[in-house]
Amino acid sequence: MEWIFFTADLERAGNFTDEKSHQRISLNRNFFDERWSRNRTVTSLDWSPQFPELLLASYNNNEESPNDPDGVVLVWNTKFKKTTPEYIFHCQSAVLSATFARFHPNLILGGTYSGQIVLWDNRVQKRTPIQRTPLSASAHTHPVYCMSVVGTQNAHNLISISTDGRMCSWSLDMLGQPQEILDLHRMQSKPVAVTCLDFPHSDVNNFVVGSEEGAAYSACRHGAKAGITDTYDGHQGPVTGISVNGVQGGIDFSHMFLTSSIDWTIKLWSLKDSKPIYSFEDNGDYVLDVKWSPTHPALFAAVDGSGRLDLWNLNQDTEVPTASINVEGNSALNKVSWTPSGLHVTVGDNQGKIWVYDVAENFAHPRHDEWNKFLYTTQELRNNQVDEELEKLNYSVSNTSLTSMSSLTSTPLR
């Protein structure tokens, strides 16, 4: 197995062999199926909570095969060396999001371009859905790019949001109609065109979404303020990924979240501040997804349109990624996902291929002081942001003064 060593400075110079570098990432394997995944964009990735070896991937339509089903979901087994999927599922509409149904090991849920939510069961000898939601005004009639199963073993729901801002809450026992409907609106009652969604760890009420118009929003499902609660403006293009810091530890960072965008940037936010804490601007292409590590408070992964996977450890560097690698062929990477252990990162591209990377333990697992370090890092970033804003303010004030003075000197005496 080939290991690649990285440091922020030497990576740019093409030298990967610095003795001091302990940040390591290596290709474990990839998954591709000539019949079912070729020429399809990977639209979502998910790991089974019950069977850690099972990886689920959903795929968009293959324009070169109009007679094939538009939507495909494949379940891959990472334990075995076989190159074919463990399960193959499909449906009539392109699958834009898919997830294992937490608490139901055999069920898989898909959100489609048509707006239908579909349900597959791997115990049934059929590749088509066993249940579908209705295409009606009481549910979704626009594409569903994001879904999440929230709650506990005894009380859980599927949350889905379509691009017209409609949020539905479903019981998996009855997909005939949603239990709750909430329409997300921004100012002037315009619907939010939602592209991505994330819930803080173990929260079922509060969540964040990214949108086509470039803003992120916090929202809640219940109570007097149900709907959009705050707006986070900062991106110059659609938000492609959103991720809430969910690492449990001595300090709670669940108010911190990341967004990625086609404006080539990743932004770090706090729910408590409408402006970004920091903007990561090392990418030279669309940044198409971002995910916090599930185990390390300061570590996240991002993928972009040039085929690059970046791992950022903010306790080590905020200017450039701590580790980077390009997939073979440099195909655009559309999705990124961590295994629950934090020791593997999976990426999916726009050609139907999935890569699984191993992350070295000394990089993936946090030391006991990482939480305090990250608190210090975020405070430093905030202080720098305040300093920059003061500089801009002083610059504009001095410019205004100079302009006033020049206008006075240029006024002829009468």
Protein backbone atom coordinates (compact mmCIF):
# COMPACT_ATOMS: atom_id res chain seq x y z
CA MET A 1 0.00 0.00 0.00
CA GLU A 2 1.37 3.41 -0.97
CA TRP A 3 1.50 6.05 1.76
CA ILE A 4 1.72 9.74 0.93
CA PHE A 5 3.15 12.20 3.45
CA PHE A 6 2.09 15.81 3.61
CA THR A 7 3.00 19.12 5.13
CA ALA A 8 1.31 22.34 4.20
CA ASP A 9 4.40 24.10 2.84
CA LEU A 10 6.14 21.23 1.10
CA GLU A 11 2.98 19.94 -0.52
CA ARG A 12 2.91 23.02 -2.73
CA ALA A 13 6.52 22.38 -3.70
CA GLY A 14 5.75 18.79 -4.60
CA ASN A 15 7.92 17.29 -1.87
CA PHE A 16 5.95 14.83 0.24
CA THR A 17 8.73 13.28 2.31
CA ASP A 18 9.25 15.70 5.20
CA GLU A 19 10.42 13.78 8.28
CA LYS A 20 8.29 15.88 10.63
CA SER A 21 5.06 15.15 8.81
CA HIS A 22 2.73 12.69 10.50
CA GLN A 23 -0.40 13.52 8.53
CA ARG A 24 -1.04 10.55 6.30
CA ILE A 25 -3.75 9.42 3.94
CA SER A 26 -3.72 6.40 1.62
CA LEU A 27 -6.02 4.85 -0.94
CA ASN A 28 -7.62 1.69 0.40
CA ARG A 29 -9.79 0.75 -2.60
CA ASN A 30 -12.39 2.02 -5.04
CA PHE A 31 -15.85 0.89 -6.11
CA PHE A 32 -17.27 1.06 -9.62
CA ASP A 33 -19.81 -0.97 -11.54
CA GLU A 34 -19.71 -0.90 -15.34
CA ARG A 35 -23.39 -1.73 -15.63
CA TRP A 36 -24.91 0.37 -12.84
CA SER A 37 -22.64 3.27 -11.93
CA ARG A 38 -20.82 4.21 -15.15
CA ASN A 39 -21.44 7.84 -16.24
CA ARG A 40 -23.59 8.55 -13.18
CA THR A 41 -22.79 11.23 -10.61
CA VAL A 42 -22.52 9.99 -7.03
CA THR A 43 -25.19 12.05 -5.24
CA SER A 44 -24.85 10.77 -1.66
CA LEU A 45 -22.83 8.41 0.53
CA ASP A 46 -23.84 6.78 3.82
CA TRP A 47 -22.44 4.12 6.16
CA SER A 48 -24.67 1.58 7.86
CA PRO A 49 -25.02 2.20 11.63
CA GLN A 50 -25.56 -1.53 12.26
CA PHE A 51 -23.13 -3.07 9.74
CA PRO A 52 -20.00 -0.89 9.59
CA GLU A 53 -18.70 -2.66 6.49
CA LEU A 54 -21.68 -1.57 4.35
CA LEU A 55 -21.43 1.60 2.27
CA LEU A 56 -24.45 3.00 0.45
CA ALA A 57 -24.16 5.25 -2.61
CA SER A 58 -26.88 6.90 -4.67
CA TYR A 59 -26.44 7.84 -8.31
CA ASN A 60 -27.97 10.30 -10.75
CA ASN A 61 -29.26 9.33 -14.20
CA ASN A 62 -26.96 8.14 -17.00
CA GLU A 63 -27.72 10.31 -20.03
CA GLU A 64 -25.98 7.84 -22.34
CA SER A 65 -28.40 5.04 -21.35
CA PRO A 66 -31.90 6.55 -21.58
CA ASN A 67 -33.52 3.11 -21.33
CA ASP A 68 -31.95 2.35 -17.94
CA PRO A 69 -33.65 3.45 -14.70
CA ASP A 70 -32.83 7.08 -13.89
CA GLY A 71 -32.18 6.42 -10.20
CA VAL A 72 -29.74 3.87 -8.77
CA VAL A 73 -28.64 2.98 -5.24
CA LEU A 74 -25.82 0.48 -4.71
CA VAL A 75 -24.72 -1.03 -1.39
CA TRP A 76 -21.03 -1.98 -1.34
CA ASN A 77 -19.38 -4.35 1.13
CA THR A 78 -15.96 -3.03 2.14
CA LYS A 79 -15.06 -6.25 3.96
CA PHE A 80 -14.87 -8.39 0.84
CA LYS A 81 -12.60 -8.06 -2.16
CA LYS A 82 -15.41 -8.67 -4.65
CA THR A 83 -15.91 -5.86 -7.14
CA THR A 84 -19.69 -6.14 -7.49
CA PRO A 85 -22.28 -4.44 -5.26
CA GLU A 86 -23.86 -6.36 -2.39
CA TYR A 87 -27.29 -4.92 -3.29
CA ILE A 88 -28.63 -3.13 -6.35
CA PHE A 89 -31.73 -0.93 -6.16
CA HIS A 90 -33.28 1.42 -8.69
CA CYS A 91 -36.29 3.61 -9.37
CA GLN A 92 -37.78 5.70 -12.17
CA SER A 93 -36.50 9.09 -11.00
CA ALA A 94 -32.88 10.10 -10.36
CA VAL A 95 -31.90 9.54 -6.71
CA LEU A 96 -30.46 12.78 -5.28
CA SER A 97 -30.10 11.64 -1.66
CA ALA A 98 -30.17 8.30 0.13
CA THR A 99 -29.67 7.02 3.64
CA PHE A 100 -29.80 3.85 5.67
CA ALA A 101 -32.94 3.99 7.81
CA ARG A 102 -31.36 4.23 11.27
CA PHE A 103 -32.97 1.74 13.67
CA HIS A 104 -34.15 -0.37 10.68
CA PRO A 105 -31.09 -2.30 9.42
CA ASN A 106 -32.78 -3.62 6.25
CA LEU A 107 -34.39 -0.43 4.98
CA ILE A 108 -32.94 2.18 2.62
CA LEU A 109 -34.54 5.54 1.86
CA GLY A 110 -34.11 7.62 -1.27
CA GLY A 111 -35.05 11.20 -2.17
CA THR A 112 -35.68 11.68 -5.88
CA TYR A 113 -35.71 14.35 -8.57
CA SER A 114 -39.48 13.95 -8.94
CA GLY A 115 -40.00 14.72 -5.24
CA GLN A 116 -40.98 11.20 -4.25
CA ILE A 117 -39.41 9.52 -1.22
CA VAL A 118 -38.86 5.84 -1.95
CA LEU A 119 -38.18 2.91 0.39
CA TRP A 120 -36.26 -0.27 -0.45
CA ASP A 121 -35.96 -3.42 1.67
CA ASN A 122 -32.94 -5.69 1.18
CA ARG A 123 -34.89 -8.70 2.52
CA VAL A 124 -37.24 -8.55 -0.46
CA GLN A 125 -36.12 -10.11 -3.72
CA LYS A 126 -36.87 -7.01 -5.74
CA ARG A 127 -34.80 -4.06 -6.83
CA THR A 128 -37.65 -1.55 -7.05
CA PRO A 129 -39.10 0.35 -4.06
CA ILE A 130 -41.57 -1.40 -1.77
CA GLN A 131 -43.09 1.95 -0.77
CA ARG A 132 -43.31 5.46 -2.24
CA THR A 133 -44.66 8.76 -1.02
CA PRO A 134 -47.42 10.32 -3.14
CA LEU A 135 -46.64 12.99 -5.72
CA SER A 136 -49.19 15.44 -4.41
CA ALA A 137 -49.57 18.94 -3.01
CA SER A 138 -49.61 17.42 0.49
CA ALA A 139 -45.99 16.24 0.12
CA HIS A 140 -43.05 17.01 -2.22
CA THR A 141 -43.40 17.94 -5.87
CA HIS A 142 -39.86 19.34 -6.26
CA PRO A 143 -36.44 17.60 -6.11
CA VAL A 144 -35.36 16.27 -2.70
CA TYR A 145 -31.62 16.82 -2.28
CA CYS A 146 -31.49 16.16 1.45
CA MET A 147 -32.91 13.78 4.03
CA SER A 148 -32.09 12.79 7.59
CA VAL A 149 -33.43 10.24 10.07
CA VAL A 150 -33.61 11.91 13.50
CA GLY A 151 -34.67 10.76 16.95
CA THR A 152 -34.29 7.59 18.99
CA GLN A 153 -35.09 3.90 18.61
CA ASN A 154 -38.55 4.49 20.09
CA ALA A 155 -39.36 7.85 18.50
CA HIS A 156 -37.82 8.76 15.17
CA ASN A 157 -38.78 10.38 11.89
CA LEU A 158 -37.46 10.87 8.40
CA ILE A 159 -36.98 14.57 7.64
CA SER A 160 -36.91 15.54 3.96
CA ILE A 161 -36.67 18.96 2.30
CA SER A 162 -37.32 19.80 -1.36
CA THR A 163 -36.01 22.72 -3.42
CA ASP A 164 -39.23 24.70 -2.95
CA GLY A 165 -38.46 24.91 0.78
CA ARG A 166 -41.01 22.32 1.84
CA MET A 167 -39.95 20.22 4.80
CA CYS A 168 -41.80 17.00 5.55
CA SER A 169 -41.59 14.73 8.57
CA TRP A 170 -42.45 11.08 7.93
CA SER A 171 -43.10 7.95 9.92
CA LEU A 172 -41.41 5.03 8.17
CA ASP A 173 -44.49 2.94 8.91
CA MET A 174 -46.65 5.23 6.80
CA LEU A 175 -45.27 7.02 3.78
CA GLY A 176 -48.78 7.71 2.48
CA GLN A 177 -48.72 11.20 3.94
CA PRO A 178 -46.29 13.28 6.01
CA GLN A 179 -46.90 13.68 9.74
CA GLU A 180 -45.81 17.32 9.60
CA ILE A 181 -45.26 19.92 6.87
CA LEU A 182 -43.26 23.12 7.29
CA ASP A 183 -42.60 25.56 4.44
CA LEU A 184 -39.28 27.38 4.85
CA HIS A 185 -39.47 31.03 3.75
CA ARG A 186 -36.91 33.80 3.84
CA MET A 187 -37.60 37.54 3.72
CA GLN A 188 -40.51 38.69 1.56
CA SER A 189 -41.97 35.18 1.92
CA LYS A 190 -39.73 33.75 -0.81
CA PRO A 191 -39.27 29.98 -0.44
CA VAL A 192 -35.76 28.77 0.41
CA ALA A 193 -34.34 26.59 -2.39
CA VAL A 194 -32.69 24.06 -0.06
CA THR A 195 -29.64 22.15 -1.35
CA CYS A 196 -28.25 20.59 1.85
CA LEU A 197 -29.23 19.93 5.46
CA ASP A 198 -27.63 18.99 8.78
CA PHE A 199 -28.87 18.46 12.33
CA PRO A 200 -26.65 18.96 15.40
CA HIS A 201 -25.82 15.76 17.28
CA SER A 202 -28.93 14.25 18.94
CA ASP A 203 -31.05 17.34 18.14
CA VAL A 204 -34.42 16.68 16.48
CA ASN A 205 -35.75 20.25 16.44
CA ASN A 206 -32.98 22.63 15.33
CA PHE A 207 -31.12 22.34 12.03
CA VAL A 208 -29.18 24.25 9.37
CA VAL A 209 -29.66 24.32 5.59
CA GLY A 210 -27.75 25.64 2.59
CA SER A 211 -29.50 27.17 -0.40
CA GLU A 212 -29.24 27.81 -4.13
CA GLU A 213 -29.13 31.57 -3.55
CA GLY A 214 -25.88 31.22 -1.54
CA ALA A 215 -27.16 31.80 1.99
CA ALA A 216 -27.23 29.35 4.87
CA TYR A 217 -30.08 29.37 7.37
CA SER A 218 -30.76 28.06 10.85
CA ALA A 219 -34.28 26.83 11.46
CA CYS A 220 -36.42 24.87 13.88
CA ARG A 221 -39.29 22.45 13.38
CA HIS A 222 -41.50 23.27 16.36
CA GLY A 223 -42.63 26.08 18.61
CA ALA A 224 -43.70 29.68 18.05
CA LYS A 225 -40.64 30.37 15.87
CA ALA A 226 -40.98 27.29 13.65
CA GLY A 227 -39.25 27.91 10.33
CA ILE A 228 -36.22 30.05 9.47
CA THR A 229 -34.66 31.65 12.56
CA ASP A 230 -31.43 33.26 11.24
CA THR A 231 -29.67 33.98 7.94
CA TYR A 232 -25.95 33.51 7.26
CA ASP A 233 -24.90 35.43 4.13
CA GLY A 234 -21.39 35.08 2.78
CA HIS A 235 -21.20 32.93 -0.34
CA GLN A 236 -21.33 34.26 -3.90
CA GLY A 237 -22.88 31.08 -5.31
CA PRO A 238 -25.04 28.10 -4.35
CA VAL A 239 -24.15 26.28 -1.12
CA THR A 240 -23.19 22.69 -1.98
CA GLY A 241 -22.52 21.23 1.47
CA ILE A 242 -23.23 22.02 5.12
CA SER A 243 -21.89 20.27 8.23
CA VAL A 244 -22.43 20.90 11.96
CA ASN A 245 -19.57 20.08 14.33
CA GLY A 246 -20.84 16.97 16.13
CA VAL A 247 -17.79 15.78 18.06
CA GLN A 248 -18.56 15.09 21.72
CA GLY A 249 -15.96 16.27 24.22
CA GLY A 250 -15.12 18.60 27.06
CA ILE A 251 -16.19 21.69 25.08
CA ASP A 252 -19.39 21.92 23.06
CA PHE A 253 -18.79 23.08 19.47
CA SER A 254 -22.26 22.19 18.17
CA HIS A 255 -22.87 25.88 17.32
CA MET A 256 -20.04 25.71 14.74
CA PHE A 257 -20.80 24.72 11.17
CA LEU A 258 -19.11 24.66 7.77
CA THR A 259 -20.46 25.47 4.31
CA SER A 260 -18.97 24.77 0.88
CA SER A 261 -19.91 26.55 -2.34
CA ILE A 262 -19.34 26.79 -6.06
CA ASP A 263 -17.70 30.17 -5.31
CA TRP A 264 -14.50 28.11 -4.61
CA THR A 265 -14.64 28.71 -0.83
CA ILE A 266 -15.44 26.94 2.43
CA LYS A 267 -16.71 29.07 5.30
CA LEU A 268 -16.67 28.49 9.05
CA TRP A 269 -19.65 29.88 10.97
CA SER A 270 -21.07 30.14 14.46
CA LEU A 271 -24.84 30.05 14.90
CA LYS A 272 -24.32 33.07 17.17
CA ASP A 273 -22.90 35.33 14.42
CA SER A 274 -24.40 36.25 11.04
CA LYS A 275 -20.94 36.76 9.48
CA PRO A 276 -18.49 33.92 8.80
CA ILE A 277 -15.71 33.42 11.34
CA TYR A 278 -13.33 32.49 8.52
CA SER A 279 -13.21 31.81 4.79
CA PHE A 280 -10.96 29.02 3.45
CA GLU A 281 -9.81 30.05 -0.03
CA ASP A 282 -7.23 27.48 -1.08
CA ASN A 283 -9.37 25.80 -3.78
CA GLY A 284 -9.21 26.68 -7.47
CA ASP A 285 -12.51 25.07 -8.40
CA TYR A 286 -16.06 24.53 -7.18
CA VAL A 287 -16.00 23.12 -3.63
CA LEU A 288 -18.75 20.50 -3.83
CA ASP A 289 -18.99 19.06 -0.32
CA VAL A 290 -17.62 19.42 3.21
CA LYS A 291 -17.85 17.24 6.36
CA TRP A 292 -16.50 17.55 9.90
CA SER A 293 -14.65 14.54 11.28
CA PRO A 294 -16.89 12.53 13.63
CA THR A 295 -14.04 12.13 16.15
CA HIS A 296 -11.71 15.17 15.96
CA PRO A 297 -13.14 18.64 16.79
CA ALA A 298 -10.80 20.60 14.50
CA LEU A 299 -10.63 18.23 11.51
CA PHE A 300 -12.76 18.33 8.37
CA ALA A 301 -12.73 17.00 4.80
CA ALA A 302 -13.68 18.79 1.59
CA VAL A 303 -13.82 17.84 -2.09
CA ASP A 304 -13.79 19.94 -5.24
CA GLY A 305 -14.37 19.93 -9.00
CA SER A 306 -10.69 19.32 -9.79
CA GLY A 307 -10.73 15.89 -8.13
CA ARG A 308 -9.02 17.03 -4.94
CA LEU A 309 -9.72 15.72 -1.44
CA ASP A 310 -8.47 18.01 1.32
CA LEU A 311 -8.19 17.30 5.03
CA TRP A 312 -7.94 20.41 7.20
CA ASN A 313 -6.76 20.29 10.82
CA LEU A 314 -7.49 23.83 12.00
CA ASN A 315 -5.36 23.35 15.11
CA GLN A 316 -2.36 22.98 12.78
CA ASP A 317 -3.11 25.36 9.90
CA THR A 318 -5.98 27.53 8.70
CA GLU A 319 -4.34 28.79 5.48
CA VAL A 320 -3.82 25.54 3.60
CA PRO A 321 -5.01 21.92 4.01
CA THR A 322 -2.96 19.67 6.26
CA ALA A 323 -3.28 16.84 3.73
CA SER A 324 -4.42 16.71 0.10
CA ILE A 325 -4.71 14.08 -2.57
CA ASN A 326 -6.10 14.03 -6.11
CA VAL A 327 -8.07 11.07 -7.39
CA GLU A 328 -6.85 9.30 -10.50
CA GLY A 329 -8.16 11.06 -13.60
CA ASN A 330 -8.96 14.25 -11.65
CA SER A 331 -12.71 13.73 -12.09
CA ALA A 332 -14.94 16.16 -10.18
CA LEU A 333 -15.60 14.92 -6.65
CA ASN A 334 -19.22 15.50 -5.69
CA LYS A 335 -19.55 13.95 -2.20
CA VAL A 336 -17.44 13.17 0.86
CA SER A 337 -18.26 11.00 3.89
CA TRP A 338 -16.40 9.82 7.01
CA THR A 339 -16.81 6.42 8.60
CA PRO A 340 -18.08 6.71 12.21
CA SER A 341 -14.59 5.71 13.44
CA GLY A 342 -13.04 8.73 11.70
CA LEU A 343 -10.36 6.43 10.24
CA HIS A 344 -11.67 6.38 6.66
CA VAL A 345 -12.85 9.05 4.23
CA THR A 346 -14.97 8.15 1.21
CA VAL A 347 -15.42 10.32 -1.88
CA GLY A 348 -17.67 9.95 -4.93
CA ASP A 349 -17.18 11.52 -8.35
CA ASN A 350 -19.24 12.53 -11.39
CA GLN A 351 -18.35 9.36 -13.34
CA GLY A 352 -19.82 6.82 -10.91
CA LYS A 353 -16.63 5.98 -9.05
CA ILE A 354 -16.08 5.84 -5.26
CA TRP A 355 -12.71 5.97 -3.48
CA VAL A 356 -12.15 4.86 0.12
CA TYR A 357 -9.11 6.38 1.85
CA ASP A 358 -7.47 5.31 5.11
CA VAL A 359 -6.53 8.12 7.48
CA ALA A 360 -3.62 7.49 9.85
CA GLU A 361 -4.67 7.07 13.47
CA ASN A 362 -2.31 9.75 14.79
CA PHE A 363 -4.00 12.20 12.42
CA ALA A 364 -7.62 11.04 12.77
CA HIS A 365 -7.75 10.62 16.55
CA PRO A 366 -7.57 13.77 18.69
CA ARG A 367 -5.19 14.26 21.57
CA HIS A 368 -6.78 15.27 24.88
CA ASP A 369 -5.89 18.97 24.37
CA GLU A 370 -7.47 19.36 20.89
CA TRP A 371 -10.73 20.82 22.30
CA ASN A 372 -8.92 23.61 24.18
CA LYS A 373 -6.68 24.22 21.17
CA PHE A 374 -9.69 24.51 18.87
CA LEU A 375 -11.35 26.97 21.25
CA TYR A 376 -8.18 29.07 21.11
CA THR A 377 -8.01 28.74 17.29
CA THR A 378 -11.59 29.95 16.82
CA GLN A 379 -11.01 32.86 19.21
CA GLU A 380 -7.91 33.85 17.22
CA LEU A 381 -9.89 33.69 13.96
CA ARG A 382 -12.60 35.91 15.48
CA ASN A 383 -10.00 38.42 16.72
CA ASN A 384 -8.39 38.54 13.28
CA GLN A 385 -11.81 39.12 11.73
CA VAL A 386 -12.47 42.05 14.08
CA ASP A 387 -9.01 43.51 13.30
CA GLU A 388 -9.66 43.25 9.55
CA GLU A 389 -13.02 44.98 9.88
CA LEU A 390 -11.45 47.80 11.92
CA GLU A 391 -8.74 48.21 9.27
CA LYS A 392 -11.38 48.43 6.54
CA LEU A 393 -13.33 50.96 8.59
CA ASN A 394 -10.23 53.09 9.22
CA TYR A 395 -9.30 52.87 5.54
CA SER A 396 -12.75 54.02 4.42
CA VAL A 397 -12.77 56.85 7.02
CA SER A 398 -9.32 58.07 5.92
CA ASN A 399 -10.36 57.83 2.27
CA THR A 400 -13.47 59.89 3.00
CA SER A 401 -11.34 62.50 4.79
CA LEU A 402 -8.88 62.67 1.88
CA THR A 403 -11.72 63.02 -0.61
CA SER A 404 -13.23 65.85 1.45
CA MET A 405 -9.86 67.61 1.69
CA SER A 406 -9.16 67.27 -2.03
CA SER A 407 -12.58 68.68 -2.86
CA LEU A 408 -11.86 71.63 -0.58
CA THR A 409 -8.46 72.34 -2.16
CA SER A 410 -9.85 72.02 -5.67
CA THR A 411 -12.66 74.53 -5.01
CA PRO A 412 -11.55 77.90 -6.54
CA LEU A 413 -11.57 80.94 -4.25
CA ARG A 414 -14.09 83.55 -5.33
